[in-house]
Every structure is written in structure tokens, then in C-alpha cells.
């Protein structure tokens, strides 16, 4: 077993949908995946290390601003702080997904964890950072290509390694931690409605009524 519990649950759901359609159109008698409901191992939610105390996070931002590594790595870390997307969505982003003049980033459903398209509004600061990156990688397809090949995205290890070089251990901060930091600090600020806060990082509301 490779521990791909979430993948297994999604596959069961997808295959079940196919068989239910087949049954509804007289192409099959039953949905064989029904017997697996509740039988698959539930995935364990992993908590990513994150700095959620304002002063500590401010120190992180200052450290990122003074980072002397690759300019694209610095930009990616800044965008994680501003937009708090999933690191994989940012690393694999294509320039075609951005409308900088409109301040909008549309993440296609194929790149989203929950397989739903997601629109991310871009602040002026985010647009400015992206325009700087565009001078470096704009001729290519990927916003953040690997330094080894423009055809492959920057690796997640690149971002986490940068945080380590800045002096933050894996128990203090990770690239995924920007999401937890945002949710925690924004909710504590009470400046925005919790629903709006959860919408920005594309969290799925567990309550079906609120989700609708």
C-alpha cells in the first residue's frame, strides 16, 4: 500500500458515478462500488507547520524580502504569502491563466485538488511581483519553471529549502504553512467574513447549505 487513501476514495466515487449512469441507462444492473462505502481507509489530515503569530510572520516576510537566492523563488514565496494557494497550484501555473490587467488568476479544474476551477483575485502587490517575474520567464509557458528545465515546474523542495536557508525549520514553517497562517490570522483579525476567507484558498465548505 502506498497510502493513497484520498485517491482511492475519489476513484471509488468516480467509478460509482459511471456505474450509476450505466444502471440508469440500462447498460448495467448495479453499482459494484456501493459495497466499498465506508470500507476504504479515510485519509489522515496532515497539519503543516506554520507561523501564525503576527510578529513571527512579519520576521518571515522580512527574511523573504532579503533572500539572496533565485529571484523566481523569492517571488513564489511572496505570492504564497499574498495569495495562499496550494504550493503545487502556484508552481505549476501557466502564464495563460493570468490576466494581469484585470488582476485575475484562473486556476483550471485540472490543476485543483478538488477538481473545480478557482478564480483568485490579485492584489496590486501580487500583480507587481508577477510582472517582474514575467520579465524572467514570460517567453515560456510556466510562470515558475525549474532551473534545470523550462518544461518542468519548480519543485516543492525548492520553496521549502529556501525557507530552511532563511533559518526557519520544518517544524516552524513550510510552503503549505502559508495557507494555515492565512486562515488563522485572517479569522483572528475579524476584518473579513469567515466564508470569504475560506473561499480565497478554495477550501470546500463541509456544510452543504453554506457551500451552496
N, C-alpha and C. Protein backbone atom coordinates (compact mmCIF):
# COMPACT_ATOMS: atom_id res chain seq x y z
N UNK A 1 0.84 -1.20 0.00
CA UNK A 1 0.00 0.00 0.00
C UNK A 1 0.87 1.25 0.00
N UNK A 2 0.53 2.21 -0.80
CA UNK A 2 1.30 3.44 -0.89
C UNK A 2 0.67 4.57 -0.09
N UNK A 3 -0.43 4.29 0.58
CA UNK A 3 -1.05 5.32 1.40
C UNK A 3 -1.86 6.34 0.62
N UNK A 4 -2.23 6.02 -0.62
CA UNK A 4 -3.01 6.97 -1.43
C UNK A 4 -4.50 6.81 -1.11
N UNK A 5 -4.85 7.08 0.14
CA UNK A 5 -6.23 6.86 0.57
C UNK A 5 -7.20 7.84 -0.07
N UNK A 6 -6.80 9.09 -0.18
CA UNK A 6 -7.69 10.09 -0.78
C UNK A 6 -7.93 9.76 -2.25
N UNK A 7 -6.88 9.33 -2.96
CA UNK A 7 -7.02 8.96 -4.36
C UNK A 7 -7.98 7.78 -4.51
N UNK A 8 -7.86 6.80 -3.63
CA UNK A 8 -8.73 5.64 -3.67
C UNK A 8 -10.19 6.04 -3.47
N UNK A 9 -10.45 6.94 -2.55
CA UNK A 9 -11.82 7.39 -2.29
C UNK A 9 -12.38 8.14 -3.49
N UNK A 10 -11.55 8.96 -4.13
CA UNK A 10 -12.03 9.70 -5.30
C UNK A 10 -12.32 8.76 -6.46
N UNK A 11 -11.44 7.76 -6.64
CA UNK A 11 -11.66 6.80 -7.72
C UNK A 11 -12.95 6.01 -7.49
N UNK A 12 -13.20 5.62 -6.24
CA UNK A 12 -14.44 4.91 -5.96
C UNK A 12 -15.65 5.76 -6.32
N UNK A 13 -15.58 7.05 -5.99
CA UNK A 13 -16.68 7.96 -6.29
C UNK A 13 -16.87 8.12 -7.80
N UNK A 14 -15.76 8.28 -8.52
CA UNK A 14 -15.83 8.45 -9.97
C UNK A 14 -16.37 7.20 -10.66
N UNK A 15 -15.83 6.05 -10.28
CA UNK A 15 -16.27 4.79 -10.88
C UNK A 15 -17.74 4.54 -10.54
N UNK A 16 -18.12 4.87 -9.30
CA UNK A 16 -19.51 4.71 -8.90
C UNK A 16 -20.45 5.55 -9.74
N UNK A 17 -20.01 6.78 -10.06
CA UNK A 17 -20.83 7.64 -10.91
C UNK A 17 -21.04 7.05 -12.29
N UNK A 18 -20.00 6.42 -12.82
CA UNK A 18 -20.10 5.78 -14.14
C UNK A 18 -21.11 4.64 -14.11
N UNK A 19 -21.00 3.80 -13.07
CA UNK A 19 -21.91 2.66 -12.98
C UNK A 19 -23.34 3.08 -12.69
N UNK A 20 -23.53 4.15 -11.92
CA UNK A 20 -24.89 4.62 -11.66
C UNK A 20 -25.53 5.14 -12.95
N UNK A 21 -24.72 5.81 -13.76
CA UNK A 21 -25.24 6.27 -15.06
C UNK A 21 -25.57 5.07 -15.94
N UNK A 22 -24.67 4.06 -15.90
CA UNK A 22 -24.90 2.86 -16.71
C UNK A 22 -26.18 2.15 -16.28
N UNK A 23 -26.42 2.11 -14.96
CA UNK A 23 -27.64 1.47 -14.47
C UNK A 23 -28.88 2.26 -14.88
N UNK A 24 -28.76 3.58 -14.84
CA UNK A 24 -29.90 4.44 -15.20
C UNK A 24 -30.23 4.35 -16.68
N UNK A 25 -29.26 3.97 -17.50
CA UNK A 25 -29.49 3.87 -18.95
C UNK A 25 -29.53 2.42 -19.42
N UNK A 26 -29.77 1.50 -18.46
CA UNK A 26 -29.93 0.07 -18.76
C UNK A 26 -28.68 -0.56 -19.37
N UNK A 27 -27.51 -0.02 -19.02
CA UNK A 27 -26.26 -0.61 -19.51
C UNK A 27 -25.60 -1.50 -18.44
N UNK A 28 -26.08 -1.39 -17.20
CA UNK A 28 -25.56 -2.20 -16.10
C UNK A 28 -26.68 -2.44 -15.11
N UNK A 29 -26.53 -3.46 -14.29
CA UNK A 29 -27.57 -3.79 -13.32
C UNK A 29 -27.39 -3.07 -11.99
N UNK A 30 -26.13 -2.99 -11.54
CA UNK A 30 -25.88 -2.40 -10.22
C UNK A 30 -24.59 -1.59 -10.23
N UNK A 31 -24.38 -0.90 -9.12
CA UNK A 31 -23.13 -0.17 -8.90
C UNK A 31 -22.27 -1.00 -7.95
N UNK A 32 -21.25 -1.68 -8.47
CA UNK A 32 -20.44 -2.56 -7.62
C UNK A 32 -19.62 -1.83 -6.57
N UNK A 33 -19.46 -0.50 -6.73
CA UNK A 33 -18.67 0.24 -5.75
C UNK A 33 -19.45 0.53 -4.47
N UNK A 34 -20.75 0.26 -4.49
CA UNK A 34 -21.58 0.54 -3.32
C UNK A 34 -21.07 -0.23 -2.10
N UNK A 35 -20.57 -1.45 -2.34
CA UNK A 35 -20.08 -2.28 -1.23
C UNK A 35 -18.84 -1.71 -0.57
N UNK A 36 -18.18 -0.77 -1.24
CA UNK A 36 -16.96 -0.19 -0.69
C UNK A 36 -17.22 1.04 0.17
N UNK A 37 -18.44 1.51 0.20
CA UNK A 37 -18.74 2.69 1.01
C UNK A 37 -18.46 2.42 2.48
N UNK A 38 -17.61 3.24 3.06
CA UNK A 38 -17.25 3.08 4.45
C UNK A 38 -16.16 2.04 4.68
N UNK A 39 -15.77 1.34 3.61
CA UNK A 39 -14.75 0.29 3.77
C UNK A 39 -13.34 0.79 3.51
N UNK A 40 -13.22 1.86 2.75
CA UNK A 40 -11.89 2.39 2.42
C UNK A 40 -11.33 3.19 3.59
N UNK A 41 -10.03 3.10 3.76
CA UNK A 41 -9.37 3.84 4.83
C UNK A 41 -9.49 5.34 4.61
N UNK A 42 -9.94 6.06 5.60
CA UNK A 42 -10.08 7.51 5.48
C UNK A 42 -8.70 8.16 5.56
N UNK A 43 -8.41 9.12 4.68
CA UNK A 43 -7.11 9.78 4.73
C UNK A 43 -6.95 10.60 6.00
N UNK A 44 -5.74 10.63 6.52
CA UNK A 44 -5.45 11.40 7.71
C UNK A 44 -5.08 12.83 7.31
N UNK A 45 -5.74 13.79 7.91
CA UNK A 45 -5.41 15.18 7.62
C UNK A 45 -4.05 15.52 8.22
N UNK A 46 -3.21 16.13 7.41
CA UNK A 46 -1.87 16.48 7.88
C UNK A 46 -1.81 17.96 8.20
N UNK A 47 -1.27 18.26 9.36
CA UNK A 47 -1.11 19.66 9.75
C UNK A 47 0.28 20.13 9.34
N UNK A 48 0.33 21.20 8.56
CA UNK A 48 1.60 21.73 8.09
C UNK A 48 2.09 22.80 9.06
N UNK A 49 3.37 22.77 9.33
CA UNK A 49 3.96 23.76 10.23
C UNK A 49 3.75 25.16 9.66
N UNK A 50 3.34 26.09 10.51
CA UNK A 50 3.07 27.45 10.05
C UNK A 50 3.30 28.46 11.17
N UNK A 51 3.79 29.62 10.81
CA UNK A 51 3.95 30.73 11.75
C UNK A 51 2.66 31.53 11.73
N UNK A 52 1.94 31.53 12.84
CA UNK A 52 0.65 32.22 12.89
C UNK A 52 0.66 33.41 13.83
N UNK A 53 1.78 33.65 14.50
CA UNK A 53 1.88 34.83 15.38
C UNK A 53 2.36 36.01 14.52
N UNK A 54 1.64 37.14 14.53
CA UNK A 54 1.94 38.25 13.64
C UNK A 54 3.40 38.71 13.63
N UNK A 55 4.02 38.85 14.77
CA UNK A 55 5.41 39.32 14.78
C UNK A 55 6.35 38.30 14.16
N UNK A 56 6.10 37.03 14.43
CA UNK A 56 6.93 35.97 13.85
C UNK A 56 6.75 35.92 12.35
N UNK A 57 5.52 36.10 11.90
CA UNK A 57 5.27 36.07 10.46
C UNK A 57 5.87 37.30 9.79
N UNK A 58 5.84 38.43 10.48
CA UNK A 58 6.47 39.64 9.95
C UNK A 58 7.96 39.44 9.76
N UNK A 59 8.59 38.74 10.70
CA UNK A 59 10.02 38.44 10.58
C UNK A 59 10.28 37.55 9.38
N UNK A 60 9.35 36.62 9.11
CA UNK A 60 9.48 35.75 7.93
C UNK A 60 9.41 36.58 6.64
N UNK A 61 8.46 37.51 6.59
CA UNK A 61 8.31 38.33 5.39
C UNK A 61 9.57 39.18 5.14
N UNK A 62 10.14 39.71 6.20
CA UNK A 62 11.37 40.50 6.05
C UNK A 62 12.51 39.62 5.58
N UNK A 63 12.55 38.39 6.08
CA UNK A 63 13.60 37.47 5.65
C UNK A 63 13.45 37.12 4.17
N UNK A 64 12.20 36.89 3.74
CA UNK A 64 11.95 36.58 2.33
C UNK A 64 12.36 37.76 1.45
N UNK A 65 12.05 38.96 1.90
CA UNK A 65 12.38 40.16 1.13
C UNK A 65 13.89 40.30 0.94
N UNK A 66 14.66 39.78 1.87
CA UNK A 66 16.12 39.88 1.77
C UNK A 66 16.78 38.62 1.26
N UNK A 67 15.99 37.67 0.78
CA UNK A 67 16.54 36.40 0.29
C UNK A 67 17.45 36.64 -0.91
N UNK A 68 18.60 36.01 -0.90
CA UNK A 68 19.60 36.23 -1.94
C UNK A 68 19.69 35.07 -2.94
N UNK A 69 18.70 34.21 -2.94
CA UNK A 69 18.68 33.10 -3.88
C UNK A 69 18.05 33.50 -5.20
N UNK A 70 17.49 32.53 -5.92
CA UNK A 70 16.86 32.79 -7.21
C UNK A 70 15.71 33.79 -7.07
N UNK A 71 15.64 34.73 -8.00
CA UNK A 71 14.58 35.74 -7.95
C UNK A 71 13.20 35.11 -8.06
N UNK A 72 13.08 34.04 -8.85
CA UNK A 72 11.77 33.40 -9.01
C UNK A 72 11.34 32.71 -7.71
N UNK A 73 12.31 32.20 -6.96
CA UNK A 73 11.98 31.56 -5.68
C UNK A 73 11.47 32.60 -4.69
N UNK A 74 12.13 33.75 -4.65
CA UNK A 74 11.68 34.84 -3.79
C UNK A 74 10.27 35.26 -4.16
N UNK A 75 10.01 35.40 -5.45
CA UNK A 75 8.70 35.81 -5.94
C UNK A 75 7.63 34.79 -5.55
N UNK A 76 7.95 33.52 -5.70
CA UNK A 76 6.99 32.47 -5.36
C UNK A 76 6.64 32.51 -3.88
N UNK A 77 7.63 32.71 -3.03
CA UNK A 77 7.37 32.79 -1.59
C UNK A 77 6.50 34.00 -1.26
N UNK A 78 6.76 35.11 -1.91
CA UNK A 78 5.95 36.31 -1.67
C UNK A 78 4.50 36.09 -2.11
N UNK A 79 4.31 35.40 -3.23
CA UNK A 79 2.96 35.14 -3.71
C UNK A 79 2.23 34.14 -2.82
N UNK A 80 2.96 33.20 -2.24
CA UNK A 80 2.33 32.29 -1.28
C UNK A 80 1.79 33.07 -0.09
N UNK A 81 2.54 34.08 0.32
CA UNK A 81 2.12 34.90 1.45
C UNK A 81 0.92 35.78 1.10
N UNK A 82 0.90 36.28 -0.12
CA UNK A 82 -0.17 37.19 -0.53
C UNK A 82 -1.46 36.46 -0.93
N UNK A 83 -1.31 35.34 -1.61
CA UNK A 83 -2.47 34.66 -2.21
C UNK A 83 -2.82 33.35 -1.51
N UNK A 84 -1.90 32.79 -0.77
CA UNK A 84 -2.00 31.50 -0.09
C UNK A 84 -2.71 30.39 -0.88
N UNK A 85 -2.26 30.14 -2.12
CA UNK A 85 -2.77 28.99 -2.86
C UNK A 85 -2.06 27.72 -2.39
N UNK A 86 -2.46 26.58 -2.89
CA UNK A 86 -1.68 25.38 -2.65
C UNK A 86 -0.37 25.54 -3.42
N UNK A 87 0.76 25.20 -2.81
CA UNK A 87 2.04 25.40 -3.48
C UNK A 87 2.10 24.76 -4.86
N UNK A 88 1.50 23.58 -5.00
CA UNK A 88 1.52 22.90 -6.29
C UNK A 88 0.79 23.66 -7.38
N UNK A 89 -0.28 24.36 -6.99
CA UNK A 89 -1.04 25.16 -7.97
C UNK A 89 -0.21 26.34 -8.46
N UNK A 90 0.55 26.94 -7.56
CA UNK A 90 1.39 28.07 -7.93
C UNK A 90 2.58 27.61 -8.77
N UNK A 91 3.23 26.54 -8.34
CA UNK A 91 4.42 26.07 -9.04
C UNK A 91 4.10 25.63 -10.47
N UNK A 92 2.91 25.07 -10.68
CA UNK A 92 2.53 24.57 -11.99
C UNK A 92 1.75 25.58 -12.82
N UNK A 93 1.62 26.81 -12.33
CA UNK A 93 0.83 27.83 -13.02
C UNK A 93 1.40 28.19 -14.38
N UNK A 94 0.50 28.38 -15.35
CA UNK A 94 0.88 28.82 -16.69
C UNK A 94 0.57 30.30 -16.85
N UNK A 95 1.35 30.97 -17.64
CA UNK A 95 1.09 32.39 -17.88
C UNK A 95 -0.29 32.62 -18.49
N UNK A 96 -0.77 31.66 -19.26
CA UNK A 96 -2.07 31.82 -19.91
C UNK A 96 -3.22 31.90 -18.90
N UNK A 97 -2.97 31.48 -17.66
CA UNK A 97 -4.02 31.51 -16.63
C UNK A 97 -4.16 32.87 -15.97
N UNK A 98 -3.23 33.79 -16.27
CA UNK A 98 -3.23 35.09 -15.62
C UNK A 98 -3.71 36.20 -16.55
N UNK A 99 -4.53 37.07 -16.01
CA UNK A 99 -4.93 38.30 -16.68
C UNK A 99 -4.49 39.43 -15.77
N UNK A 100 -3.25 39.84 -15.95
CA UNK A 100 -2.67 40.82 -15.03
C UNK A 100 -3.36 42.17 -15.11
N UNK A 101 -3.83 42.55 -16.28
CA UNK A 101 -4.52 43.83 -16.42
C UNK A 101 -5.84 43.84 -15.65
N UNK A 102 -6.44 42.66 -15.52
CA UNK A 102 -7.70 42.54 -14.79
C UNK A 102 -7.49 42.13 -13.35
N UNK A 103 -6.24 41.77 -13.00
CA UNK A 103 -5.96 41.32 -11.64
C UNK A 103 -6.63 40.01 -11.31
N UNK A 104 -6.50 39.02 -12.21
CA UNK A 104 -7.19 37.75 -12.02
C UNK A 104 -6.32 36.57 -12.43
N UNK A 105 -6.34 35.54 -11.60
CA UNK A 105 -5.67 34.27 -11.89
C UNK A 105 -6.74 33.19 -11.85
N UNK A 106 -6.94 32.48 -12.94
CA UNK A 106 -7.93 31.41 -13.01
C UNK A 106 -7.21 30.08 -13.01
N UNK A 107 -7.37 29.33 -11.94
CA UNK A 107 -6.75 28.01 -11.83
C UNK A 107 -7.74 27.00 -12.40
N UNK A 108 -7.35 26.32 -13.47
CA UNK A 108 -8.24 25.36 -14.12
C UNK A 108 -8.50 24.17 -13.21
N UNK A 109 -9.66 23.55 -13.39
CA UNK A 109 -10.06 22.44 -12.52
C UNK A 109 -9.06 21.29 -12.54
N UNK A 110 -8.38 21.10 -13.67
CA UNK A 110 -7.41 20.01 -13.76
C UNK A 110 -6.24 20.20 -12.81
N UNK A 111 -5.98 21.45 -12.40
CA UNK A 111 -4.86 21.74 -11.51
C UNK A 111 -5.28 21.90 -10.06
N UNK A 112 -6.59 21.81 -9.81
CA UNK A 112 -7.10 21.99 -8.46
C UNK A 112 -7.25 20.65 -7.76
N UNK A 113 -6.97 20.64 -6.47
CA UNK A 113 -7.09 19.42 -5.67
C UNK A 113 -8.51 18.87 -5.72
N UNK A 114 -9.52 19.76 -5.65
CA UNK A 114 -10.91 19.32 -5.63
C UNK A 114 -11.52 19.27 -7.02
N UNK A 115 -10.68 19.47 -8.05
CA UNK A 115 -11.11 19.39 -9.45
C UNK A 115 -12.26 20.36 -9.75
N UNK A 116 -12.12 21.57 -9.23
CA UNK A 116 -13.08 22.64 -9.52
C UNK A 116 -12.29 23.88 -9.90
N UNK A 117 -12.69 24.59 -10.95
CA UNK A 117 -11.95 25.80 -11.31
C UNK A 117 -12.03 26.82 -10.19
N UNK A 118 -10.98 27.61 -10.06
CA UNK A 118 -10.92 28.57 -8.95
C UNK A 118 -10.36 29.89 -9.44
N UNK A 119 -11.05 30.98 -9.14
CA UNK A 119 -10.60 32.31 -9.56
C UNK A 119 -9.98 33.02 -8.36
N UNK A 120 -8.76 33.47 -8.55
CA UNK A 120 -8.02 34.12 -7.48
C UNK A 120 -7.82 35.60 -7.82
N UNK A 121 -8.44 36.50 -7.09
CA UNK A 121 -8.20 37.93 -7.33
C UNK A 121 -6.79 38.30 -6.93
N UNK A 122 -6.15 39.13 -7.73
CA UNK A 122 -4.76 39.51 -7.48
C UNK A 122 -4.69 40.94 -6.95
N UNK A 123 -3.99 41.12 -5.85
CA UNK A 123 -3.78 42.46 -5.31
C UNK A 123 -2.77 43.19 -6.20
N UNK A 124 -2.65 44.49 -5.99
CA UNK A 124 -1.68 45.27 -6.76
C UNK A 124 -0.27 44.77 -6.50
N UNK A 125 0.00 44.37 -5.27
CA UNK A 125 1.33 43.86 -4.93
C UNK A 125 1.61 42.55 -5.68
N UNK A 126 0.61 41.68 -5.76
CA UNK A 126 0.78 40.41 -6.47
C UNK A 126 1.01 40.64 -7.96
N UNK A 127 0.25 41.57 -8.53
CA UNK A 127 0.42 41.89 -9.95
C UNK A 127 1.82 42.43 -10.22
N UNK A 128 2.31 43.29 -9.33
CA UNK A 128 3.65 43.85 -9.50
C UNK A 128 4.71 42.76 -9.46
N UNK A 129 4.56 41.81 -8.55
CA UNK A 129 5.51 40.70 -8.45
C UNK A 129 5.48 39.86 -9.73
N UNK A 130 4.27 39.56 -10.20
CA UNK A 130 4.13 38.74 -11.40
C UNK A 130 4.70 39.43 -12.64
N UNK A 131 4.55 40.74 -12.71
CA UNK A 131 5.11 41.47 -13.85
C UNK A 131 6.63 41.42 -13.84
N UNK A 132 7.22 41.43 -12.64
CA UNK A 132 8.67 41.29 -12.54
C UNK A 132 9.11 39.89 -12.99
N UNK A 133 8.35 38.88 -12.56
CA UNK A 133 8.67 37.51 -12.95
C UNK A 133 8.49 37.33 -14.45
N UNK A 134 7.53 38.03 -15.00
CA UNK A 134 7.26 37.91 -16.44
C UNK A 134 8.46 38.34 -17.27
N UNK A 135 9.25 39.25 -16.73
CA UNK A 135 10.46 39.67 -17.44
C UNK A 135 11.49 38.53 -17.50
N UNK A 136 11.38 37.59 -16.56
CA UNK A 136 12.34 36.48 -16.50
C UNK A 136 11.85 35.22 -17.19
N UNK A 137 10.57 34.90 -17.01
CA UNK A 137 10.07 33.63 -17.54
C UNK A 137 8.92 33.79 -18.53
N UNK A 138 8.54 35.05 -18.82
CA UNK A 138 7.41 35.31 -19.70
C UNK A 138 7.45 34.62 -21.05
N UNK A 139 8.62 34.49 -21.69
CA UNK A 139 8.66 33.83 -23.00
C UNK A 139 8.25 32.36 -22.95
N UNK A 140 8.29 31.74 -21.77
CA UNK A 140 7.93 30.34 -21.65
C UNK A 140 6.47 30.15 -21.28
N UNK A 141 6.11 28.90 -21.02
CA UNK A 141 4.74 28.56 -20.65
C UNK A 141 4.51 28.66 -19.15
N UNK A 142 5.48 28.14 -18.38
CA UNK A 142 5.36 28.11 -16.93
C UNK A 142 5.81 29.42 -16.29
N UNK A 143 5.09 29.83 -15.27
CA UNK A 143 5.47 31.03 -14.54
C UNK A 143 6.72 30.76 -13.71
N UNK A 144 6.76 29.57 -13.11
CA UNK A 144 7.89 29.21 -12.25
C UNK A 144 8.51 27.89 -12.72
N UNK A 145 9.27 27.93 -13.81
CA UNK A 145 9.91 26.71 -14.30
C UNK A 145 11.09 26.29 -13.42
N UNK A 146 11.45 25.05 -13.54
CA UNK A 146 12.62 24.53 -12.85
C UNK A 146 13.88 25.17 -13.44
N UNK A 147 14.92 25.32 -12.64
CA UNK A 147 16.16 25.88 -13.16
C UNK A 147 16.85 24.88 -14.06
N UNK A 148 16.42 23.61 -14.02
CA UNK A 148 17.03 22.57 -14.84
C UNK A 148 16.33 22.41 -16.18
N UNK A 149 15.05 22.73 -16.24
CA UNK A 149 14.30 22.59 -17.49
C UNK A 149 13.09 23.51 -17.48
N UNK A 150 12.95 24.31 -18.53
CA UNK A 150 11.82 25.23 -18.61
C UNK A 150 10.51 24.49 -18.86
N UNK A 151 10.61 23.19 -19.15
CA UNK A 151 9.42 22.40 -19.42
C UNK A 151 8.83 21.79 -18.15
N UNK A 152 9.56 21.90 -17.04
CA UNK A 152 9.10 21.35 -15.78
C UNK A 152 8.96 22.46 -14.74
N UNK A 153 7.96 22.34 -13.87
CA UNK A 153 7.77 23.39 -12.86
C UNK A 153 8.80 23.30 -11.73
N UNK A 154 8.97 24.38 -11.06
CA UNK A 154 9.81 24.44 -9.86
C UNK A 154 9.35 23.35 -8.88
N UNK A 155 10.27 22.72 -8.20
CA UNK A 155 9.90 21.67 -7.26
C UNK A 155 9.50 22.27 -5.92
N UNK A 156 8.69 21.52 -5.18
CA UNK A 156 8.27 21.98 -3.86
C UNK A 156 9.48 22.06 -2.93
N UNK A 157 10.45 21.18 -3.16
CA UNK A 157 11.66 21.20 -2.34
C UNK A 157 12.38 22.54 -2.45
N UNK A 158 12.26 23.18 -3.61
CA UNK A 158 12.91 24.48 -3.82
C UNK A 158 12.39 25.50 -2.81
N UNK A 159 11.08 25.53 -2.62
CA UNK A 159 10.47 26.50 -1.71
C UNK A 159 10.80 26.18 -0.26
N UNK A 160 10.68 24.92 0.10
CA UNK A 160 10.98 24.54 1.48
C UNK A 160 12.47 24.71 1.80
N UNK A 161 13.33 24.41 0.81
CA UNK A 161 14.77 24.59 1.02
C UNK A 161 15.10 26.06 1.23
N UNK A 162 14.39 26.94 0.53
CA UNK A 162 14.61 28.38 0.70
C UNK A 162 14.24 28.81 2.12
N UNK A 163 13.14 28.27 2.62
CA UNK A 163 12.74 28.59 3.99
C UNK A 163 13.78 28.11 5.00
N UNK A 164 14.38 26.96 4.71
CA UNK A 164 15.43 26.47 5.62
C UNK A 164 16.66 27.38 5.57
N UNK A 165 17.02 27.83 4.37
CA UNK A 165 18.18 28.72 4.25
C UNK A 165 17.93 30.06 4.94
N UNK A 166 16.66 30.41 5.05
CA UNK A 166 16.31 31.66 5.73
C UNK A 166 16.30 31.48 7.25
N UNK A 167 16.51 30.24 7.68
CA UNK A 167 16.61 29.99 9.12
C UNK A 167 15.35 29.45 9.78
N UNK A 168 14.36 29.03 8.98
CA UNK A 168 13.12 28.51 9.54
C UNK A 168 13.09 27.00 9.37
N UNK A 169 12.97 26.28 10.48
CA UNK A 169 13.00 24.83 10.44
C UNK A 169 11.69 24.26 9.90
N UNK A 170 11.70 22.97 9.60
CA UNK A 170 10.49 22.31 9.07
C UNK A 170 9.39 22.26 10.13
N UNK A 171 9.74 22.43 11.38
CA UNK A 171 8.74 22.45 12.45
C UNK A 171 8.18 23.86 12.68
N UNK A 172 8.77 24.85 12.00
CA UNK A 172 8.31 26.23 12.14
C UNK A 172 7.49 26.69 10.95
N UNK A 173 7.96 26.40 9.74
CA UNK A 173 7.28 26.90 8.56
C UNK A 173 7.53 26.02 7.35
N UNK A 174 6.49 25.81 6.54
CA UNK A 174 6.58 25.07 5.29
C UNK A 174 5.86 25.86 4.21
N UNK A 175 6.04 25.47 2.96
CA UNK A 175 5.35 26.19 1.88
C UNK A 175 3.84 26.04 2.01
N UNK A 176 3.36 24.89 2.50
CA UNK A 176 1.93 24.70 2.74
C UNK A 176 1.45 25.54 3.93
N UNK A 177 2.39 25.89 4.80
CA UNK A 177 2.02 26.62 6.01
C UNK A 177 1.45 28.00 5.76
N UNK A 178 1.71 28.56 4.57
CA UNK A 178 1.16 29.89 4.26
C UNK A 178 -0.37 29.86 4.26
N UNK A 179 -0.95 28.72 3.93
CA UNK A 179 -2.40 28.60 3.90
C UNK A 179 -2.97 28.59 5.31
N UNK A 180 -2.36 27.78 6.17
CA UNK A 180 -2.83 27.72 7.56
C UNK A 180 -2.64 29.07 8.24
N UNK A 181 -1.52 29.71 7.94
CA UNK A 181 -1.24 31.04 8.52
C UNK A 181 -2.32 32.02 8.12
N UNK A 182 -2.68 32.02 6.83
CA UNK A 182 -3.68 32.97 6.35
C UNK A 182 -5.03 32.74 7.01
N UNK A 183 -5.46 31.48 7.05
CA UNK A 183 -6.76 31.18 7.64
C UNK A 183 -6.80 31.58 9.11
N UNK A 184 -5.74 31.29 9.83
CA UNK A 184 -5.70 31.61 11.26
C UNK A 184 -5.67 33.11 11.51
N UNK A 185 -4.74 33.81 10.86
CA UNK A 185 -4.57 35.23 11.13
C UNK A 185 -5.74 36.06 10.62
N UNK A 186 -6.28 35.71 9.47
CA UNK A 186 -7.39 36.49 8.91
C UNK A 186 -8.66 36.31 9.75
N UNK A 187 -8.89 35.08 10.20
CA UNK A 187 -10.07 34.87 11.05
C UNK A 187 -9.92 35.59 12.38
N UNK A 188 -8.71 35.59 12.93
CA UNK A 188 -8.49 36.27 14.21
C UNK A 188 -8.61 37.78 14.08
N UNK A 189 -8.35 38.31 12.89
CA UNK A 189 -8.43 39.76 12.69
C UNK A 189 -9.87 40.27 12.74
N UNK A 190 -10.82 39.39 12.36
CA UNK A 190 -12.25 39.74 12.31
C UNK A 190 -12.56 40.86 11.32
N UNK A 191 -11.68 41.08 10.34
CA UNK A 191 -11.93 42.10 9.33
C UNK A 191 -12.78 41.56 8.18
N UNK A 192 -12.78 40.24 8.02
CA UNK A 192 -13.49 39.64 6.89
C UNK A 192 -14.38 38.51 7.37
N UNK A 193 -15.43 38.23 6.58
CA UNK A 193 -16.34 37.14 6.92
C UNK A 193 -15.62 35.81 6.73
N UNK A 194 -15.81 34.86 7.64
CA UNK A 194 -15.14 33.55 7.54
C UNK A 194 -15.37 32.85 6.21
N UNK A 195 -16.57 33.00 5.62
CA UNK A 195 -16.86 32.36 4.34
C UNK A 195 -15.95 32.92 3.25
N UNK A 196 -15.75 34.24 3.26
CA UNK A 196 -14.88 34.87 2.26
C UNK A 196 -13.44 34.43 2.45
N UNK A 197 -13.02 34.29 3.70
CA UNK A 197 -11.65 33.87 3.99
C UNK A 197 -11.41 32.45 3.46
N UNK A 198 -12.36 31.56 3.68
CA UNK A 198 -12.20 30.19 3.22
C UNK A 198 -12.32 30.07 1.72
N UNK A 199 -12.99 31.02 1.10
CA UNK A 199 -13.16 30.97 -0.36
C UNK A 199 -11.85 31.27 -1.08
N UNK A 200 -11.05 32.18 -0.54
CA UNK A 200 -9.80 32.56 -1.21
C UNK A 200 -8.86 31.38 -1.42
N UNK A 201 -8.61 30.52 -0.42
CA UNK A 201 -7.74 29.37 -0.65
C UNK A 201 -8.46 28.16 -1.24
N UNK A 202 -9.73 28.35 -1.65
CA UNK A 202 -10.51 27.28 -2.29
C UNK A 202 -10.79 26.11 -1.35
N UNK A 203 -10.99 26.42 -0.06
CA UNK A 203 -11.41 25.37 0.86
C UNK A 203 -12.85 25.01 0.56
N UNK A 204 -13.18 23.72 0.66
CA UNK A 204 -14.54 23.27 0.41
C UNK A 204 -15.31 23.28 1.73
N UNK A 205 -16.41 24.00 1.76
CA UNK A 205 -17.25 24.08 2.95
C UNK A 205 -17.90 22.72 3.21
N UNK A 206 -17.72 22.19 4.42
CA UNK A 206 -18.28 20.89 4.76
C UNK A 206 -19.79 20.93 4.89
N UNK A 207 -20.34 22.07 5.32
CA UNK A 207 -21.79 22.20 5.43
C UNK A 207 -22.37 22.44 4.04
N UNK A 208 -23.24 21.54 3.57
CA UNK A 208 -23.74 21.63 2.20
C UNK A 208 -24.56 22.88 1.95
N UNK A 209 -25.29 23.35 2.97
CA UNK A 209 -26.11 24.55 2.79
C UNK A 209 -25.22 25.77 2.62
N UNK A 210 -24.21 25.92 3.49
CA UNK A 210 -23.29 27.06 3.38
C UNK A 210 -22.49 26.97 2.08
N UNK A 211 -22.12 25.73 1.67
CA UNK A 211 -21.36 25.58 0.44
C UNK A 211 -22.17 26.08 -0.75
N UNK A 212 -23.48 25.77 -0.77
CA UNK A 212 -24.34 26.22 -1.87
C UNK A 212 -24.44 27.75 -1.88
